[in-house]
Amino acid sequence: MAAHSALAKMQKMPDSVLESLRNGKPIEDSRLEALRKLTQSIVQRRGWIEDRDLKSFLLAGYSKAQVLELLVGVAQKTISNYVNHLADTPVDQAFK
């Protein structure tokens, strides 16, 4: 989380959004909140997302293609995490 937070700050993510994400709280921006909820649903439900989360995502202005992009991102991060767990990759000093 430390590394991702540092990268988010470098990308000028608003502190309120970062704090919401770090603490598992709703994001004030409704479009970003729909993205957060769908991402959370994909991860927690292992791809078996709730219809209401998908509908909220699409109603927030995202496309079906972006659902697939989100799924690819979750899959890529999952594989990265698993590899780091197996390799016992240490956290970089800068992110401790």
N, C-alpha and C. Protein backbone atom coordinates (compact mmCIF):
# COMPACT_ATOMS: atom_id res chain seq x y z
N MET A 1 0.82 -1.19 0.00
CA MET A 1 0.00 0.00 0.00
C MET A 1 0.87 1.26 0.00
N ALA A 2 2.00 1.17 0.68
CA ALA A 2 2.89 2.33 0.75
C ALA A 2 3.38 2.75 -0.63
N ALA A 3 3.78 1.78 -1.43
CA ALA A 3 4.28 2.08 -2.76
C ALA A 3 3.18 2.67 -3.64
N HIS A 4 2.01 2.09 -3.56
CA HIS A 4 0.90 2.60 -4.37
C HIS A 4 0.49 4.00 -3.92
N SER A 5 0.52 4.25 -2.63
CA SER A 5 0.20 5.59 -2.12
C SER A 5 1.22 6.61 -2.61
N ALA A 6 2.49 6.24 -2.60
CA ALA A 6 3.54 7.15 -3.08
C ALA A 6 3.34 7.45 -4.56
N LEU A 7 3.02 6.42 -5.34
CA LEU A 7 2.77 6.62 -6.77
C LEU A 7 1.53 7.49 -7.00
N ALA A 8 0.50 7.27 -6.20
CA ALA A 8 -0.72 8.07 -6.33
C ALA A 8 -0.43 9.55 -6.05
N LYS A 9 0.38 9.81 -5.03
CA LYS A 9 0.75 11.19 -4.72
C LYS A 9 1.55 11.81 -5.85
N MET A 10 2.43 11.03 -6.47
CA MET A 10 3.21 11.52 -7.61
C MET A 10 2.30 11.88 -8.78
N GLN A 11 1.16 11.20 -8.89
CA GLN A 11 0.20 11.46 -9.96
C GLN A 11 -0.81 12.53 -9.56
N LYS A 12 -0.58 13.16 -8.42
CA LYS A 12 -1.42 14.26 -7.91
C LYS A 12 -2.84 13.81 -7.54
N MET A 13 -2.96 12.56 -7.07
CA MET A 13 -4.25 12.10 -6.59
C MET A 13 -4.63 12.95 -5.37
N PRO A 14 -5.85 13.45 -5.31
CA PRO A 14 -6.26 14.24 -4.15
C PRO A 14 -6.14 13.43 -2.86
N ASP A 15 -5.69 14.10 -1.80
CA ASP A 15 -5.52 13.43 -0.51
C ASP A 15 -6.80 12.76 -0.04
N SER A 16 -7.94 13.40 -0.28
CA SER A 16 -9.22 12.84 0.18
C SER A 16 -9.51 11.50 -0.51
N VAL A 17 -9.18 11.40 -1.78
CA VAL A 17 -9.41 10.14 -2.52
C VAL A 17 -8.45 9.07 -2.00
N LEU A 18 -7.20 9.43 -1.84
CA LEU A 18 -6.21 8.48 -1.34
C LEU A 18 -6.58 7.97 0.05
N GLU A 19 -6.99 8.87 0.92
CA GLU A 19 -7.37 8.46 2.28
C GLU A 19 -8.60 7.54 2.26
N SER A 20 -9.56 7.85 1.40
CA SER A 20 -10.73 6.98 1.27
C SER A 20 -10.32 5.58 0.83
N LEU A 21 -9.45 5.51 -0.16
CA LEU A 21 -9.00 4.21 -0.66
C LEU A 21 -8.21 3.46 0.41
N ARG A 22 -7.33 4.15 1.09
CA ARG A 22 -6.50 3.49 2.11
C ARG A 22 -7.34 2.97 3.28
N ASN A 23 -8.44 3.65 3.56
CA ASN A 23 -9.27 3.29 4.71
C ASN A 23 -10.53 2.53 4.34
N GLY A 24 -10.70 2.20 3.06
CA GLY A 24 -11.88 1.44 2.63
C GLY A 24 -13.18 2.20 2.79
N LYS A 25 -13.10 3.51 2.64
CA LYS A 25 -14.28 4.37 2.79
C LYS A 25 -14.76 4.85 1.42
N PRO A 26 -16.04 5.23 1.32
CA PRO A 26 -16.55 5.75 0.05
C PRO A 26 -15.81 7.01 -0.39
N ILE A 27 -15.69 7.17 -1.70
CA ILE A 27 -15.08 8.36 -2.31
C ILE A 27 -16.19 9.34 -2.63
N GLU A 28 -15.97 10.61 -2.35
CA GLU A 28 -17.01 11.62 -2.59
C GLU A 28 -17.39 11.73 -4.06
N ASP A 29 -16.43 11.63 -4.95
CA ASP A 29 -16.69 11.70 -6.39
C ASP A 29 -17.45 10.44 -6.80
N SER A 30 -18.68 10.59 -7.27
CA SER A 30 -19.54 9.43 -7.55
C SER A 30 -18.97 8.53 -8.65
N ARG A 31 -18.29 9.10 -9.62
CA ARG A 31 -17.72 8.29 -10.70
C ARG A 31 -16.57 7.43 -10.16
N LEU A 32 -15.70 8.04 -9.37
CA LEU A 32 -14.61 7.27 -8.76
C LEU A 32 -15.14 6.25 -7.77
N GLU A 33 -16.21 6.59 -7.07
CA GLU A 33 -16.81 5.64 -6.13
C GLU A 33 -17.35 4.41 -6.85
N ALA A 34 -17.95 4.61 -8.02
CA ALA A 34 -18.44 3.47 -8.81
C ALA A 34 -17.27 2.58 -9.23
N LEU A 35 -16.15 3.18 -9.58
CA LEU A 35 -14.94 2.44 -9.94
C LEU A 35 -14.41 1.67 -8.73
N ARG A 36 -14.36 2.32 -7.58
CA ARG A 36 -13.90 1.67 -6.35
C ARG A 36 -14.78 0.48 -5.99
N LYS A 37 -16.09 0.68 -6.06
CA LYS A 37 -17.02 -0.39 -5.68
C LYS A 37 -16.94 -1.59 -6.62
N LEU A 38 -16.82 -1.32 -7.93
CA LEU A 38 -16.74 -2.43 -8.87
C LEU A 38 -15.42 -3.18 -8.68
N THR A 39 -14.34 -2.45 -8.47
CA THR A 39 -13.05 -3.09 -8.22
C THR A 39 -13.13 -3.96 -6.97
N GLN A 40 -13.69 -3.42 -5.91
CA GLN A 40 -13.84 -4.17 -4.67
C GLN A 40 -14.70 -5.41 -4.89
N SER A 41 -15.76 -5.27 -5.65
CA SER A 41 -16.64 -6.40 -5.92
C SER A 41 -15.90 -7.49 -6.70
N ILE A 42 -15.13 -7.09 -7.70
CA ILE A 42 -14.37 -8.07 -8.50
C ILE A 42 -13.40 -8.84 -7.61
N VAL A 43 -12.70 -8.12 -6.75
CA VAL A 43 -11.69 -8.77 -5.89
C VAL A 43 -12.36 -9.65 -4.84
N GLN A 44 -13.31 -9.11 -4.12
CA GLN A 44 -13.93 -9.86 -3.03
C GLN A 44 -14.75 -11.04 -3.50
N ARG A 45 -15.40 -10.88 -4.65
CA ARG A 45 -16.29 -11.94 -5.13
C ARG A 45 -15.63 -12.78 -6.23
N ARG A 46 -14.33 -12.56 -6.43
CA ARG A 46 -13.54 -13.33 -7.39
C ARG A 46 -14.17 -13.36 -8.77
N GLY A 47 -14.62 -12.18 -9.20
CA GLY A 47 -15.17 -12.04 -10.54
C GLY A 47 -16.68 -12.18 -10.64
N TRP A 48 -17.31 -12.70 -9.61
CA TRP A 48 -18.78 -12.86 -9.62
C TRP A 48 -19.40 -11.57 -9.09
N ILE A 49 -19.38 -10.53 -9.92
CA ILE A 49 -19.80 -9.21 -9.46
C ILE A 49 -21.32 -9.11 -9.35
N GLU A 50 -21.73 -8.22 -8.49
CA GLU A 50 -23.16 -7.94 -8.30
C GLU A 50 -23.67 -7.11 -9.48
N ASP A 51 -24.88 -7.40 -9.93
CA ASP A 51 -25.48 -6.64 -11.03
C ASP A 51 -25.55 -5.15 -10.69
N ARG A 52 -25.88 -4.84 -9.44
CA ARG A 52 -26.02 -3.42 -9.06
C ARG A 52 -24.69 -2.68 -9.17
N ASP A 53 -23.58 -3.35 -8.87
CA ASP A 53 -22.27 -2.71 -8.99
C ASP A 53 -21.92 -2.47 -10.46
N LEU A 54 -22.21 -3.44 -11.31
CA LEU A 54 -21.97 -3.27 -12.74
C LEU A 54 -22.84 -2.15 -13.29
N LYS A 55 -24.11 -2.13 -12.93
CA LYS A 55 -25.02 -1.08 -13.40
C LYS A 55 -24.57 0.29 -12.93
N SER A 56 -24.16 0.39 -11.68
CA SER A 56 -23.67 1.67 -11.15
C SER A 56 -22.45 2.14 -11.91
N PHE A 57 -21.56 1.21 -12.24
CA PHE A 57 -20.34 1.52 -12.99
C PHE A 57 -20.70 2.07 -14.37
N LEU A 58 -21.60 1.39 -15.05
CA LEU A 58 -22.01 1.83 -16.38
C LEU A 58 -22.78 3.15 -16.33
N LEU A 59 -23.65 3.31 -15.34
CA LEU A 59 -24.40 4.56 -15.20
C LEU A 59 -23.50 5.74 -14.83
N ALA A 60 -22.34 5.46 -14.26
CA ALA A 60 -21.39 6.52 -13.89
C ALA A 60 -20.64 7.02 -15.12
N GLY A 61 -20.88 6.40 -16.27
CA GLY A 61 -20.26 6.89 -17.51
C GLY A 61 -19.14 6.00 -18.04
N TYR A 62 -18.91 4.88 -17.40
CA TYR A 62 -17.90 3.95 -17.90
C TYR A 62 -18.53 3.04 -18.95
N SER A 63 -17.68 2.38 -19.73
CA SER A 63 -18.17 1.50 -20.79
C SER A 63 -17.94 0.03 -20.42
N LYS A 64 -18.55 -0.86 -21.19
CA LYS A 64 -18.33 -2.29 -20.97
C LYS A 64 -16.87 -2.65 -21.25
N ALA A 65 -16.25 -1.96 -22.20
CA ALA A 65 -14.83 -2.20 -22.48
C ALA A 65 -13.99 -1.85 -21.25
N GLN A 66 -14.39 -0.83 -20.52
CA GLN A 66 -13.64 -0.44 -19.32
C GLN A 66 -13.82 -1.45 -18.19
N VAL A 67 -14.91 -2.20 -18.20
CA VAL A 67 -15.06 -3.30 -17.24
C VAL A 67 -13.96 -4.32 -17.49
N LEU A 68 -13.72 -4.63 -18.77
CA LEU A 68 -12.67 -5.59 -19.11
C LEU A 68 -11.29 -5.04 -18.77
N GLU A 69 -11.07 -3.74 -18.98
CA GLU A 69 -9.80 -3.12 -18.61
C GLU A 69 -9.57 -3.24 -17.11
N LEU A 70 -10.61 -3.02 -16.35
CA LEU A 70 -10.52 -3.13 -14.89
C LEU A 70 -10.19 -4.57 -14.50
N LEU A 71 -10.83 -5.52 -15.13
CA LEU A 71 -10.58 -6.93 -14.85
C LEU A 71 -9.13 -7.29 -15.16
N VAL A 72 -8.59 -6.79 -16.26
CA VAL A 72 -7.19 -7.04 -16.61
C VAL A 72 -6.27 -6.45 -15.54
N GLY A 73 -6.58 -5.25 -15.07
CA GLY A 73 -5.77 -4.62 -14.02
C GLY A 73 -5.79 -5.43 -12.74
N VAL A 74 -6.94 -5.92 -12.35
CA VAL A 74 -7.05 -6.74 -11.13
C VAL A 74 -6.26 -8.04 -11.32
N ALA A 75 -6.38 -8.65 -12.48
CA ALA A 75 -5.66 -9.90 -12.75
C ALA A 75 -4.15 -9.67 -12.72
N GLN A 76 -3.70 -8.60 -13.33
CA GLN A 76 -2.28 -8.29 -13.36
C GLN A 76 -1.74 -8.05 -11.95
N LYS A 77 -2.48 -7.32 -11.14
CA LYS A 77 -2.04 -7.04 -9.78
C LYS A 77 -2.05 -8.31 -8.93
N THR A 78 -3.04 -9.16 -9.14
CA THR A 78 -3.10 -10.42 -8.40
C THR A 78 -1.89 -11.29 -8.71
N ILE A 79 -1.56 -11.42 -9.98
CA ILE A 79 -0.39 -12.21 -10.38
C ILE A 79 0.88 -11.61 -9.79
N SER A 80 1.02 -10.30 -9.85
CA SER A 80 2.18 -9.62 -9.29
C SER A 80 2.31 -9.89 -7.80
N ASN A 81 1.20 -9.79 -7.08
CA ASN A 81 1.22 -10.05 -5.63
C ASN A 81 1.62 -11.49 -5.35
N TYR A 82 1.07 -12.43 -6.09
CA TYR A 82 1.38 -13.84 -5.85
C TYR A 82 2.85 -14.13 -6.11
N VAL A 83 3.40 -13.57 -7.18
CA VAL A 83 4.81 -13.76 -7.48
C VAL A 83 5.67 -13.18 -6.36
N ASN A 84 5.32 -11.99 -5.88
CA ASN A 84 6.09 -11.38 -4.79
C ASN A 84 5.98 -12.19 -3.51
N HIS A 85 4.83 -12.79 -3.25
CA HIS A 85 4.69 -13.64 -2.08
C HIS A 85 5.57 -14.88 -2.19
N LEU A 86 5.54 -15.52 -3.34
CA LEU A 86 6.34 -16.73 -3.56
C LEU A 86 7.84 -16.42 -3.52
N ALA A 87 8.21 -15.27 -4.06
CA ALA A 87 9.63 -14.90 -4.12
C ALA A 87 10.10 -14.23 -2.82
N ASP A 88 9.16 -13.97 -1.93
CA ASP A 88 9.47 -13.28 -0.67
C ASP A 88 10.20 -11.96 -0.95
N THR A 89 9.65 -11.21 -1.90
CA THR A 89 10.25 -9.94 -2.31
C THR A 89 10.17 -8.93 -1.17
N PRO A 90 11.31 -8.36 -0.78
CA PRO A 90 11.29 -7.37 0.30
C PRO A 90 10.70 -6.04 -0.19
N VAL A 91 10.11 -5.30 0.73
CA VAL A 91 9.60 -3.97 0.40
C VAL A 91 10.79 -3.04 0.23
N ASP A 92 10.80 -2.25 -0.84
CA ASP A 92 11.87 -1.29 -1.05
C ASP A 92 11.98 -0.35 0.14
N GLN A 93 13.19 0.00 0.50
CA GLN A 93 13.44 0.88 1.64
C GLN A 93 12.63 2.18 1.53
N ALA A 94 12.51 2.71 0.34
CA ALA A 94 11.81 3.98 0.13
C ALA A 94 10.34 3.88 0.51
N PHE A 95 9.77 2.68 0.50
CA PHE A 95 8.34 2.51 0.76
C PHE A 95 8.02 1.92 2.14
N LYS A 96 9.04 1.70 2.95
CA LYS A 96 8.80 1.15 4.29
C LYS A 96 8.20 2.19 5.21
